Structures are given as structure tokens and as C-alpha cells.
Amino acid sequence: KAMPGIVDVVTFKNNVAVVGKSTWQVSKARKVLKVEYEKEQ
């Protein structure tokens, strides 16, 4: 969220969406996300 051009980071269902003003800014911000998963099936 602190990265330039990022508007929001949204979690819905099993997705974490990085939303921003350009594809490049979104792609860079996605790389610093920290998502922890657990086994479901």
C-alpha cells in the first residue's frame, strides 16, 4: 500500500488484489505482498 501509485489492496474470497494507477506500479507492489496460506484440501 505504501508503494507509488497504489490505490488499495483488497482481499476477497481466496484472492488478494493490488489496485493502482498503472500495470507496472501494481506489478511492483504485488511483489512485496506478504500472504500466508493454510491447507484446505
PDB file of all heavy atoms in Angstrom:
ATOM      1  N   LYS A   1       0.816  -1.217   0.000  1.00  0.00           N
ATOM      2  CA  LYS A   1       0.000   0.000   0.000  1.00  0.00           C
ATOM      3  C   LYS A   1       0.848   1.264   0.000  1.00  0.00           C
ATOM      4  O   LYS A   1       0.407   2.321  -0.471  1.00  0.00           O
ATOM      5  CB  LYS A   1      -0.927   0.006   1.216  1.00  0.00           C
ATOM      6  CG  LYS A   1      -2.073  -0.993   1.135  1.00  0.00           C
ATOM      7  CD  LYS A   1      -2.979  -0.887   2.353  1.00  0.00           C
ATOM      8  CE  LYS A   1      -4.170  -1.814   2.243  1.00  0.00           C
ATOM      9  NZ  LYS A   1      -5.077  -1.717   3.413  1.00  0.00           N
ATOM     10  N   ALA A   2       2.068   1.165   0.492  1.00  0.00           N
ATOM     11  CA  ALA A   2       2.953   2.336   0.559  1.00  0.00           C
ATOM     12  C   ALA A   2       3.663   2.609  -0.757  1.00  0.00           C
ATOM     13  O   ALA A   2       4.318   3.654  -0.901  1.00  0.00           O
ATOM     14  CB  ALA A   2       3.981   2.134   1.667  1.00  0.00           C
ATOM     15  N   MET A   3       3.532   1.712  -1.710  1.00  0.00           N
ATOM     16  CA  MET A   3       4.228   1.871  -2.997  1.00  0.00           C
ATOM     17  C   MET A   3       3.564   2.969  -3.824  1.00  0.00           C
ATOM     18  O   MET A   3       2.352   3.200  -3.717  1.00  0.00           O
ATOM     19  CB  MET A   3       4.215   0.558  -3.768  1.00  0.00           C
ATOM     20  CG  MET A   3       4.933  -0.595  -3.065  1.00  0.00           C
ATOM     21  SD  MET A   3       6.713  -0.545  -3.254  1.00  0.00           S
ATOM     22  CE  MET A   3       6.905  -1.146  -4.921  1.00  0.00           C
ATOM     23  N   PRO A   4       4.341   3.663  -4.683  1.00  0.00           N
ATOM     24  CA  PRO A   4       3.780   4.733  -5.525  1.00  0.00           C
ATOM     25  C   PRO A   4       2.675   4.211  -6.442  1.00  0.00           C
ATOM     26  O   PRO A   4       2.795   3.135  -7.021  1.00  0.00           O
ATOM     27  CB  PRO A   4       4.993   5.196  -6.347  1.00  0.00           C
ATOM     28  CG  PRO A   4       6.182   4.776  -5.552  1.00  0.00           C
ATOM     29  CD  PRO A   4       5.798   3.506  -4.861  1.00  0.00           C
ATOM     30  N   GLY A   5       1.595   4.991  -6.556  1.00  0.00           N
ATOM     31  CA  GLY A   5       0.521   4.680  -7.492  1.00  0.00           C
ATOM     32  C   GLY A   5      -0.474   3.657  -7.010  1.00  0.00           C
ATOM     33  O   GLY A   5      -1.456   3.370  -7.708  1.00  0.00           O
ATOM     34  N   ILE A   6      -0.283   3.084  -5.830  1.00  0.00           N
ATOM     35  CA  ILE A   6      -1.192   2.052  -5.342  1.00  0.00           C
ATOM     36  C   ILE A   6      -2.389   2.704  -4.656  1.00  0.00           C
ATOM     37  O   ILE A   6      -2.249   3.543  -3.762  1.00  0.00           O
ATOM     38  CB  ILE A   6      -0.474   1.081  -4.385  1.00  0.00           C
ATOM     39  CG1 ILE A   6       0.677   0.399  -5.115  1.00  0.00           C
ATOM     40  CG2 ILE A   6      -1.443   0.051  -3.824  1.00  0.00           C
ATOM     41  CD1 ILE A   6       0.291  -0.299  -6.411  1.00  0.00           C
ATOM     42  N   VAL A   7      -3.577   2.303  -5.067  1.00  0.00           N
ATOM     43  CA  VAL A   7      -4.816   2.861  -4.539  1.00  0.00           C
ATOM     44  C   VAL A   7      -5.337   2.038  -3.368  1.00  0.00           C
ATOM     45  O   VAL A   7      -5.811   2.580  -2.373  1.00  0.00           O
ATOM     46  CB  VAL A   7      -5.885   2.938  -5.654  1.00  0.00           C
ATOM     47  CG1 VAL A   7      -7.236   3.387  -5.085  1.00  0.00           C
ATOM     48  CG2 VAL A   7      -5.431   3.874  -6.763  1.00  0.00           C
ATOM     49  N   ASP A   8      -5.231   0.709  -3.474  1.00  0.00           N
ATOM     50  CA  ASP A   8      -5.754  -0.140  -2.406  1.00  0.00           C
ATOM     51  C   ASP A   8      -5.246  -1.566  -2.591  1.00  0.00           C
ATOM     52  O   ASP A   8      -4.794  -1.948  -3.681  1.00  0.00           O
ATOM     53  CB  ASP A   8      -7.291  -0.134  -2.425  1.00  0.00           C
ATOM     54  CG  ASP A   8      -7.903  -0.505  -1.072  1.00  0.00           C
ATOM     55  OD1 ASP A   8      -7.135  -0.877  -0.152  1.00  0.00           O
ATOM     56  OD2 ASP A   8      -9.129  -0.423  -0.943  1.00  0.00           O
ATOM     57  N   VAL A   9      -5.307  -2.339  -1.532  1.00  0.00           N
ATOM     58  CA  VAL A   9      -5.087  -3.784  -1.576  1.00  0.00           C
ATOM     59  C   VAL A   9      -6.309  -4.416  -0.944  1.00  0.00           C
ATOM     60  O   VAL A   9      -6.665  -4.104   0.196  1.00  0.00           O
ATOM     61  CB  VAL A   9      -3.809  -4.207  -0.823  1.00  0.00           C
ATOM     62  CG1 VAL A   9      -3.683  -5.732  -0.821  1.00  0.00           C
ATOM     63  CG2 VAL A   9      -2.583  -3.578  -1.479  1.00  0.00           C
ATOM     64  N   VAL A  10      -6.974  -5.288  -1.693  1.00  0.00           N
ATOM     65  CA  VAL A  10      -8.271  -5.819  -1.284  1.00  0.00           C
ATOM     66  C   VAL A  10      -8.209  -7.338  -1.215  1.00  0.00           C
ATOM     67  O   VAL A  10      -7.739  -7.994  -2.158  1.00  0.00           O
ATOM     68  CB  VAL A  10      -9.375  -5.395  -2.276  1.00  0.00           C
ATOM     69  CG1 VAL A  10     -10.719  -5.980  -1.856  1.00  0.00           C
ATOM     70  CG2 VAL A  10      -9.460  -3.878  -2.366  1.00  0.00           C
ATOM     71  N   THR A  11      -8.692  -7.900  -0.127  1.00  0.00           N
ATOM     72  CA  THR A  11      -8.811  -9.352  -0.004  1.00  0.00           C
ATOM     73  C   THR A  11     -10.276  -9.742  -0.156  1.00  0.00           C
ATOM     74  O   THR A  11     -11.138  -9.208   0.539  1.00  0.00           O
ATOM     75  CB  THR A  11      -8.289  -9.835   1.363  1.00  0.00           C
ATOM     76  OG1 THR A  11      -6.921  -9.459   1.504  1.00  0.00           O
ATOM     77  CG2 THR A  11      -8.401 -11.350   1.478  1.00  0.00           C
ATOM     78  N   PHE A  12     -10.547 -10.629  -1.088  1.00  0.00           N
ATOM     79  CA  PHE A  12     -11.908 -11.131  -1.257  1.00  0.00           C
ATOM     80  C   PHE A  12     -11.843 -12.590  -1.691  1.00  0.00           C
ATOM     81  O   PHE A  12     -11.042 -12.980  -2.509  1.00  0.00           O
ATOM     82  CB  PHE A  12     -12.715 -10.287  -2.252  1.00  0.00           C
ATOM     83  CG  PHE A  12     -12.194 -10.270  -3.658  1.00  0.00           C
ATOM     84  CD1 PHE A  12     -12.801 -11.022  -4.658  1.00  0.00           C
ATOM     85  CD2 PHE A  12     -11.092  -9.483  -4.009  1.00  0.00           C
ATOM     86  CE1 PHE A  12     -12.335 -10.996  -5.968  1.00  0.00           C
ATOM     87  CE2 PHE A  12     -10.617  -9.443  -5.307  1.00  0.00           C
ATOM     88  CZ  PHE A  12     -11.242 -10.213  -6.295  1.00  0.00           C
ATOM     89  N   LYS A  13     -12.697 -13.380  -1.055  1.00  0.00           N
ATOM     90  CA  LYS A  13     -12.681 -14.823  -1.270  1.00  0.00           C
ATOM     91  C   LYS A  13     -11.266 -15.339  -1.040  1.00  0.00           C
ATOM     92  O   LYS A  13     -10.692 -15.132   0.016  1.00  0.00           O
ATOM     93  CB  LYS A  13     -13.245 -15.171  -2.639  1.00  0.00           C
ATOM     94  CG  LYS A  13     -14.742 -14.871  -2.738  1.00  0.00           C
ATOM     95  CD  LYS A  13     -15.356 -15.216  -4.064  1.00  0.00           C
ATOM     96  CE  LYS A  13     -16.858 -14.891  -4.029  1.00  0.00           C
ATOM     97  NZ  LYS A  13     -17.457 -14.931  -5.360  1.00  0.00           N
ATOM     98  N   ASN A  14     -10.686 -15.976  -2.046  1.00  0.00           N
ATOM     99  CA  ASN A  14      -9.328 -16.503  -1.869  1.00  0.00           C
ATOM    100  C   ASN A  14      -8.322 -15.672  -2.660  1.00  0.00           C
ATOM    101  O   ASN A  14      -7.262 -16.180  -3.052  1.00  0.00           O
ATOM    102  CB  ASN A  14      -9.278 -17.967  -2.319  1.00  0.00           C
ATOM    103  CG  ASN A  14      -8.416 -18.827  -1.411  1.00  0.00           C
ATOM    104  OD1 ASN A  14      -8.073 -18.431  -0.299  1.00  0.00           O
ATOM    105  ND2 ASN A  14      -8.048 -19.994  -1.886  1.00  0.00           N
ATOM    106  N   ASN A  15      -8.650 -14.403  -2.882  1.00  0.00           N
ATOM    107  CA  ASN A  15      -7.847 -13.519  -3.716  1.00  0.00           C
ATOM    108  C   ASN A  15      -7.345 -12.317  -2.924  1.00  0.00           C
ATOM    109  O   ASN A  15      -8.046 -11.798  -2.055  1.00  0.00           O
ATOM    110  CB  ASN A  15      -8.667 -13.007  -4.906  1.00  0.00           C
ATOM    111  CG  ASN A  15      -9.214 -14.132  -5.751  1.00  0.00           C
ATOM    112  OD1 ASN A  15      -8.503 -15.082  -6.054  1.00  0.00           O
ATOM    113  ND2 ASN A  15     -10.478 -14.031  -6.137  1.00  0.00           N
ATOM    114  N   VAL A  16      -6.160 -11.869  -3.280  1.00  0.00           N
ATOM    115  CA  VAL A  16      -5.637 -10.612  -2.761  1.00  0.00           C
ATOM    116  C   VAL A  16      -5.320  -9.735  -3.962  1.00  0.00           C
ATOM    117  O   VAL A  16      -4.413 -10.037  -4.747  1.00  0.00           O
ATOM    118  CB  VAL A  16      -4.375 -10.817  -1.904  1.00  0.00           C
ATOM    119  CG1 VAL A  16      -3.902  -9.477  -1.342  1.00  0.00           C
ATOM    120  CG2 VAL A  16      -4.639 -11.807  -0.782  1.00  0.00           C
ATOM    121  N   ALA A  17      -6.084  -8.654  -4.151  1.00  0.00           N
ATOM    122  CA  ALA A  17      -5.955  -7.793  -5.325  1.00  0.00           C
ATOM    123  C   ALA A  17      -5.188  -6.525  -4.988  1.00  0.00           C
ATOM    124  O   ALA A  17      -5.489  -5.848  -3.998  1.00  0.00           O
ATOM    125  CB  ALA A  17      -7.330  -7.432  -5.868  1.00  0.00           C
ATOM    126  N   VAL A  18      -4.197  -6.219  -5.816  1.00  0.00           N
ATOM    127  CA  VAL A  18      -3.459  -4.962  -5.703  1.00  0.00           C
ATOM    128  C   VAL A  18      -3.997  -4.034  -6.782  1.00  0.00           C
ATOM    129  O   VAL A  18      -3.962  -4.365  -7.971  1.00  0.00           O
ATOM    130  CB  VAL A  18      -1.951  -5.188  -5.884  1.00  0.00           C
ATOM    131  CG1 VAL A  18      -1.199  -3.866  -5.743  1.00  0.00           C
ATOM    132  CG2 VAL A  18      -1.436  -6.206  -4.880  1.00  0.00           C
ATOM    133  N   VAL A  19      -4.511  -2.879  -6.374  1.00  0.00           N
ATOM    134  CA  VAL A  19      -5.161  -1.943  -7.287  1.00  0.00           C
ATOM    135  C   VAL A  19      -4.340  -0.662  -7.366  1.00  0.00           C
ATOM    136  O   VAL A  19      -3.933  -0.105  -6.332  1.00  0.00           O
ATOM    137  CB  VAL A  19      -6.590  -1.614  -6.815  1.00  0.00           C
ATOM    138  CG1 VAL A  19      -7.293  -0.715  -7.824  1.00  0.00           C
ATOM    139  CG2 VAL A  19      -7.389  -2.889  -6.571  1.00  0.00           C
ATOM    140  N   GLY A  20      -4.096  -0.200  -8.596  1.00  0.00           N
ATOM    141  CA  GLY A  20      -3.301   1.009  -8.746  1.00  0.00           C
ATOM    142  C   GLY A  20      -3.558   1.721 -10.052  1.00  0.00           C
ATOM    143  O   GLY A  20      -4.489   1.395 -10.790  1.00  0.00           O
ATOM    144  N   LYS A  21      -2.665   2.688 -10.336  1.00  0.00           N
ATOM    145  CA  LYS A  21      -2.875   3.572 -11.480  1.00  0.00           C
ATOM    146  C   LYS A  21      -2.190   3.103 -12.745  1.00  0.00           C
ATOM    147  O   LYS A  21      -2.416   3.658 -13.817  1.00  0.00           O
ATOM    148  CB  LYS A  21      -2.412   4.986 -11.119  1.00  0.00           C
ATOM    149  CG  LYS A  21      -3.228   5.600  -9.976  1.00  0.00           C
ATOM    150  CD  LYS A  21      -2.737   6.997  -9.622  1.00  0.00           C
ATOM    151  CE  LYS A  21      -3.566   7.594  -8.486  1.00  0.00           C
ATOM    152  NZ  LYS A  21      -3.085   8.948  -8.083  1.00  0.00           N
ATOM    153  N   SER A  22      -1.319   2.102 -12.645  1.00  0.00           N
ATOM    154  CA  SER A  22      -0.685   1.552 -13.847  1.00  0.00           C
ATOM    155  C   SER A  22      -0.334   0.093 -13.603  1.00  0.00           C
ATOM    156  O   SER A  22      -0.169  -0.342 -12.456  1.00  0.00           O
ATOM    157  CB  SER A  22       0.587   2.329 -14.205  1.00  0.00           C
ATOM    158  OG  SER A  22       1.648   2.006 -13.316  1.00  0.00           O
ATOM    159  N   THR A  23      -0.196  -0.656 -14.670  1.00  0.00           N
ATOM    160  CA  THR A  23       0.148  -2.073 -14.571  1.00  0.00           C
ATOM    161  C   THR A  23       1.511  -2.247 -13.921  1.00  0.00           C
ATOM    162  O   THR A  23       1.708  -3.147 -13.090  1.00  0.00           O
ATOM    163  CB  THR A  23       0.156  -2.707 -15.975  1.00  0.00           C
ATOM    164  OG1 THR A  23      -1.102  -2.481 -16.601  1.00  0.00           O
ATOM    165  CG2 THR A  23       0.401  -4.202 -15.902  1.00  0.00           C
ATOM    166  N   TRP A  24       2.473  -1.399 -14.278  1.00  0.00           N
ATOM    167  CA  TRP A  24       3.832  -1.519 -13.746  1.00  0.00           C
ATOM    168  C   TRP A  24       3.845  -1.276 -12.235  1.00  0.00           C
ATOM    169  O   TRP A  24       4.486  -2.024 -11.481  1.00  0.00           O
ATOM    170  CB  TRP A  24       4.745  -0.535 -14.464  1.00  0.00           C
ATOM    171  CG  TRP A  24       6.160  -0.527 -13.957  1.00  0.00           C
ATOM    172  CD1 TRP A  24       6.806   0.498 -13.341  1.00  0.00           C
ATOM    173  CD2 TRP A  24       7.093  -1.612 -14.013  1.00  0.00           C
ATOM    174  NE1 TRP A  24       8.089   0.141 -13.015  1.00  0.00           N
ATOM    175  CE2 TRP A  24       8.298  -1.151 -13.419  1.00  0.00           C
ATOM    176  CE3 TRP A  24       7.041  -2.909 -14.510  1.00  0.00           C
ATOM    177  CZ2 TRP A  24       9.426  -1.952 -13.298  1.00  0.00           C
ATOM    178  CZ3 TRP A  24       8.166  -3.717 -14.399  1.00  0.00           C
ATOM    179  CH2 TRP A  24       9.354  -3.235 -13.795  1.00  0.00           C
ATOM    180  N   GLN A  25       3.125  -0.249 -11.781  1.00  0.00           N
ATOM    181  CA  GLN A  25       3.084   0.042 -10.349  1.00  0.00           C
ATOM    182  C   GLN A  25       2.423  -1.099  -9.565  1.00  0.00           C
ATOM    183  O   GLN A  25       2.887  -1.490  -8.489  1.00  0.00           O
ATOM    184  CB  GLN A  25       2.341   1.357 -10.109  1.00  0.00           C
ATOM    185  CG  GLN A  25       3.106   2.582 -10.595  1.00  0.00           C
ATOM    186  CD  GLN A  25       2.274   3.847 -10.541  1.00  0.00           C
ATOM    187  OE1 GLN A  25       1.067   3.825 -10.799  1.00  0.00           O
ATOM    188  NE2 GLN A  25       2.904   4.972 -10.204  1.00  0.00           N
ATOM    189  N   VAL A  26       1.369  -1.634 -10.130  1.00  0.00           N
ATOM    190  CA  VAL A  26       0.667  -2.747  -9.487  1.00  0.00           C
ATOM    191  C   VAL A  26       1.557  -3.985  -9.421  1.00  0.00           C
ATOM    192  O   VAL A  26       1.620  -4.677  -8.398  1.00  0.00           O
ATOM    193  CB  VAL A  26      -0.641  -3.055 -10.254  1.00  0.00           C
ATOM    194  CG1 VAL A  26      -1.211  -4.405  -9.840  1.00  0.00           C
ATOM    195  CG2 VAL A  26      -1.670  -1.953 -10.016  1.00  0.00           C
ATOM    196  N   SER A  27       2.265  -4.253 -10.506  1.00  0.00           N
ATOM    197  CA  SER A  27       3.138  -5.426 -10.559  1.00  0.00           C
ATOM    198  C   SER A  27       4.254  -5.334  -9.516  1.00  0.00           C
ATOM    199  O   SER A  27       4.575  -6.321  -8.837  1.00  0.00           O
ATOM    200  CB  SER A  27       3.729  -5.564 -11.964  1.00  0.00           C
ATOM    201  OG  SER A  27       4.557  -6.693 -12.056  1.00  0.00           O
ATOM    202  N   LYS A  28       4.844  -4.167  -9.377  1.00  0.00           N
ATOM    203  CA  LYS A  28       5.918  -3.984  -8.392  1.00  0.00           C
ATOM    204  C   LYS A  28       5.391  -4.135  -6.963  1.00  0.00           C
ATOM    205  O   LYS A  28       6.023  -4.763  -6.106  1.00  0.00           O
ATOM    206  CB  LYS A  28       6.566  -2.613  -8.569  1.00  0.00           C
ATOM    207  CG  LYS A  28       7.401  -2.472  -9.845  1.00  0.00           C
ATOM    208  CD  LYS A  28       8.000  -1.086  -9.975  1.00  0.00           C
ATOM    209  CE  LYS A  28       9.058  -0.823  -8.914  1.00  0.00           C
ATOM    210  NZ  LYS A  28       9.689   0.503  -9.077  1.00  0.00           N
ATOM    211  N   ALA A  29       4.223  -3.566  -6.699  1.00  0.00           N
ATOM    212  CA  ALA A  29       3.657  -3.634  -5.350  1.00  0.00           C
ATOM    213  C   ALA A  29       3.254  -5.059  -4.987  1.00  0.00           C
ATOM    214  O   ALA A  29       3.381  -5.479  -3.827  1.00  0.00           O
ATOM    215  CB  ALA A  29       2.452  -2.700  -5.247  1.00  0.00           C
ATOM    216  N   ARG A  30       2.802  -5.803  -5.964  1.00  0.00           N
ATOM    217  CA  ARG A  30       2.388  -7.189  -5.708  1.00  0.00           C
ATOM    218  C   ARG A  30       3.554  -8.025  -5.167  1.00  0.00           C
ATOM    219  O   ARG A  30       3.354  -8.925  -4.342  1.00  0.00           O
ATOM    220  CB  ARG A  30       1.828  -7.811  -6.988  1.00  0.00           C
ATOM    221  CG  ARG A  30       1.385  -9.255  -6.851  1.00  0.00           C
ATOM    222  CD  ARG A  30       0.911  -9.800  -8.180  1.00  0.00           C
ATOM    223  NE  ARG A  30       0.621 -11.210  -8.122  1.00  0.00           N
ATOM    224  CZ  ARG A  30       0.289 -11.936  -9.179  1.00  0.00           C
ATOM    225  NH1 ARG A  30       0.199 -11.365 -10.388  1.00  0.00           N
ATOM    226  NH2 ARG A  30       0.051 -13.226  -9.055  1.00  0.00           N
ATOM    227  N   LYS A  31       4.765  -7.712  -5.601  1.00  0.00           N
ATOM    228  CA  LYS A  31       5.937  -8.497  -5.203  1.00  0.00           C
ATOM    229  C   LYS A  31       6.277  -8.338  -3.724  1.00  0.00           C
ATOM    230  O   LYS A  31       6.978  -9.181  -3.162  1.00  0.00           O
ATOM    231  CB  LYS A  31       7.134  -8.109  -6.069  1.00  0.00           C
ATOM    232  CG  LYS A  31       6.985  -8.513  -7.528  1.00  0.00           C
ATOM    233  CD  LYS A  31       8.154  -8.039  -8.371  1.00  0.00           C
ATOM    234  CE  LYS A  31       7.971  -8.421  -9.837  1.00  0.00           C
ATOM    235  NZ  LYS A  31       9.083  -7.919 -10.695  1.00  0.00           N
ATOM    236  N   VAL A  32       5.785  -7.278  -3.092  1.00  0.00           N
ATOM    237  CA  VAL A  32       6.114  -7.079  -1.672  1.00  0.00           C
ATOM    238  C   VAL A  32       4.958  -7.486  -0.754  1.00  0.00           C
ATOM    239  O   VAL A  32       5.023  -7.287   0.455  1.00  0.00           O
ATOM    240  CB  VAL A  32       6.530  -5.620  -1.391  1.00  0.00           C
ATOM    241  CG1 VAL A  32       7.743  -5.250  -2.230  1.00  0.00           C
ATOM    242  CG2 VAL A  32       5.373  -4.650  -1.634  1.00  0.00           C
ATOM    243  N   LEU A  33       3.883  -8.037  -1.348  1.00  0.00           N
ATOM    244  CA  LEU A  33       2.799  -8.562  -0.530  1.00  0.00           C
ATOM    245  C   LEU A  33       3.305  -9.712   0.337  1.00  0.00           C
ATOM    246  O   LEU A  33       4.143 -10.509  -0.094  1.00  0.00           O
ATOM    247  CB  LEU A  33       1.665  -9.104  -1.415  1.00  0.00           C
ATOM    248  CG  LEU A  33       0.576  -8.161  -1.914  1.00  0.00           C
ATOM    249  CD1 LEU A  33      -0.374  -8.935  -2.819  1.00  0.00           C
ATOM    250  CD2 LEU A  33      -0.186  -7.522  -0.766  1.00  0.00           C
ATOM    251  N   LYS A  34       2.774  -9.823   1.543  1.00  0.00           N
ATOM    252  CA  LYS A  34       3.086 -10.953   2.410  1.00  0.00           C
ATOM    253  C   LYS A  34       1.779 -11.681   2.720  1.00  0.00           C
ATOM    254  O   LYS A  34       0.962 -11.211   3.502  1.00  0.00           O
ATOM    255  CB  LYS A  34       3.755 -10.477   3.695  1.00  0.00           C
ATOM    256  CG  LYS A  34       5.114  -9.823   3.460  1.00  0.00           C
ATOM    257  CD  LYS A  34       5.729  -9.309   4.764  1.00  0.00           C
ATOM    258  CE  LYS A  34       7.066  -8.626   4.507  1.00  0.00           C
ATOM    259  NZ  LYS A  34       7.655  -8.084   5.770  1.00  0.00           N
ATOM    260  N   VAL A  35       1.599 -12.811   2.033  1.00  0.00           N
ATOM    261  CA  VAL A  35       0.367 -13.581   2.186  1.00  0.00           C
ATOM    262  C   VAL A  35       0.714 -14.951   2.758  1.00  0.00           C
ATOM    263  O   VAL A  35       1.574 -15.653   2.233  1.00  0.00           O
ATOM    264  CB  VAL A  35      -0.375 -13.750   0.845  1.00  0.00           C
ATOM    265  CG1 VAL A  35      -1.707 -14.463   1.070  1.00  0.00           C
ATOM    266  CG2 VAL A  35      -0.600 -12.400   0.179  1.00  0.00           C
ATOM    267  N   GLU A  36       0.045 -15.329   3.822  1.00  0.00           N
ATOM    268  CA  GLU A  36       0.237 -16.646   4.433  1.00  0.00           C
ATOM    269  C   GLU A  36      -0.976 -17.513   4.110  1.00  0.00           C
ATOM    270  O   GLU A  36      -2.120 -17.058   4.186  1.00  0.00           O
ATOM    271  CB  GLU A  36       0.397 -16.510   5.950  1.00  0.00           C
ATOM    272  CG  GLU A  36       0.724 -17.827   6.639  1.00  0.00           C
ATOM    273  CD  GLU A  36       0.868 -17.678   8.148  1.00  0.00           C
ATOM    274  OE1 GLU A  36       0.744 -16.539   8.652  1.00  0.00           O
ATOM    275  OE2 GLU A  36       1.088 -18.709   8.812  1.00  0.00           O
ATOM    276  N   TYR A  37      -0.715 -18.760   3.716  1.00  0.00           N
ATOM    277  CA  TYR A  37      -1.787 -19.673   3.334  1.00  0.00           C
ATOM    278  C   TYR A  37      -1.846 -20.863   4.288  1.00  0.00           C
ATOM    279  O   TYR A  37      -0.869 -21.188   4.966  1.00  0.00           O
ATOM    280  CB  TYR A  37      -1.579 -20.182   1.906  1.00  0.00           C
ATOM    281  CG  TYR A  37      -1.653 -19.099   0.857  1.00  0.00           C
ATOM    282  CD1 TYR A  37      -0.491 -18.485   0.373  1.00  0.00           C
ATOM    283  CD2 TYR A  37      -2.875 -18.678   0.354  1.00  0.00           C
ATOM    284  CE1 TYR A  37      -0.560 -17.488  -0.588  1.00  0.00           C
ATOM    285  CE2 TYR A  37      -2.948 -17.683  -0.608  1.00  0.00           C
ATOM    286  CZ  TYR A  37      -1.787 -17.086  -1.080  1.00  0.00           C
ATOM    287  OH  TYR A  37      -1.860 -16.109  -2.022  1.00  0.00           O
ATOM    288  N   GLU A  38      -3.002 -21.516   4.291  1.00  0.00           N
ATOM    289  CA  GLU A  38      -3.162 -22.745   5.055  1.00  0.00           C
ATOM    290  C   GLU A  38      -3.889 -23.785   4.201  1.00  0.00           C
ATOM    291  O   GLU A  38      -4.615 -23.442   3.264  1.00  0.00           O
ATOM    292  CB  GLU A  38      -3.933 -22.488   6.349  1.00  0.00           C
ATOM    293  CG  GLU A  38      -5.330 -21.931   6.149  1.00  0.00           C
ATOM    294  CD  GLU A  38      -5.989 -21.576   7.470  1.00  0.00           C
ATOM    295  OE1 GLU A  38      -5.441 -21.947   8.515  1.00  0.00           O
ATOM    296  OE2 GLU A  38      -7.052 -20.927   7.458  1.00  0.00           O
ATOM    297  N   LYS A  39      -3.699 -25.036   4.559  1.00  0.00           N
ATOM    298  CA  LYS A  39      -4.262 -26.140   3.787  1.00  0.00           C
ATOM    299  C   LYS A  39      -5.772 -26.222   3.971  1.00  0.00           C
ATOM    300  O   LYS A  39      -6.284 -26.118   5.081  1.00  0.00           O
ATOM    301  CB  LYS A  39      -3.608 -27.455   4.223  1.00  0.00           C
ATOM    302  CG  LYS A  39      -4.060 -28.672   3.449  1.00  0.00           C
ATOM    303  CD  LYS A  39      -3.305 -29.913   3.924  1.00  0.00           C
ATOM    304  CE  LYS A  39      -3.816 -31.171   3.242  1.00  0.00           C
ATOM    305  NZ  LYS A  39      -3.087 -32.383   3.700  1.00  0.00           N
ATOM    306  N   GLU A  40      -6.466 -26.397   2.854  1.00  0.00           N
ATOM    307  CA  GLU A  40      -7.921 -26.514   2.879  1.00  0.00           C
ATOM    308  C   GLU A  40      -8.380 -27.868   2.341  1.00  0.00           C
ATOM    309  O   GLU A  40      -9.356 -28.441   2.810  1.00  0.00           O
ATOM    310  CB  GLU A  40      -8.541 -25.385   2.044  1.00  0.00           C
ATOM    311  CG  GLU A  40     -10.044 -25.341   2.068  1.00  0.00           C
ATOM    312  CD  GLU A  40     -10.598 -24.155   1.282  1.00  0.00           C
ATOM    313  OE1 GLU A  40      -9.989 -23.804   0.251  1.00  0.00           O
ATOM    314  OE2 GLU A  40     -11.615 -23.591   1.708  1.00  0.00           O
ATOM    315  N   GLN A  41      -7.679 -28.384   1.317  1.00  0.00           N
ATOM    316  CA  GLN A  41      -7.975 -29.686   0.732  1.00  0.00           C
ATOM    317  C   GLN A  41      -6.657 -30.428   0.533  1.00  0.00           C
ATOM    318  O   GLN A  41      -5.577 -29.885   0.769  1.00  0.00           O
ATOM    319  CB  GLN A  41      -8.687 -29.527  -0.620  1.00  0.00           C
ATOM    320  CG  GLN A  41     -10.017 -28.805  -0.554  1.00  0.00           C
ATOM    321  CD  GLN A  41     -10.656 -28.701  -1.932  1.00  0.00           C
ATOM    322  OE1 GLN A  41     -10.879 -29.691  -2.608  1.00  0.00           O
ATOM    323  NE2 GLN A  41     -10.937 -27.479  -2.356  1.00  0.00           N
TER     324      GLN A  41
END
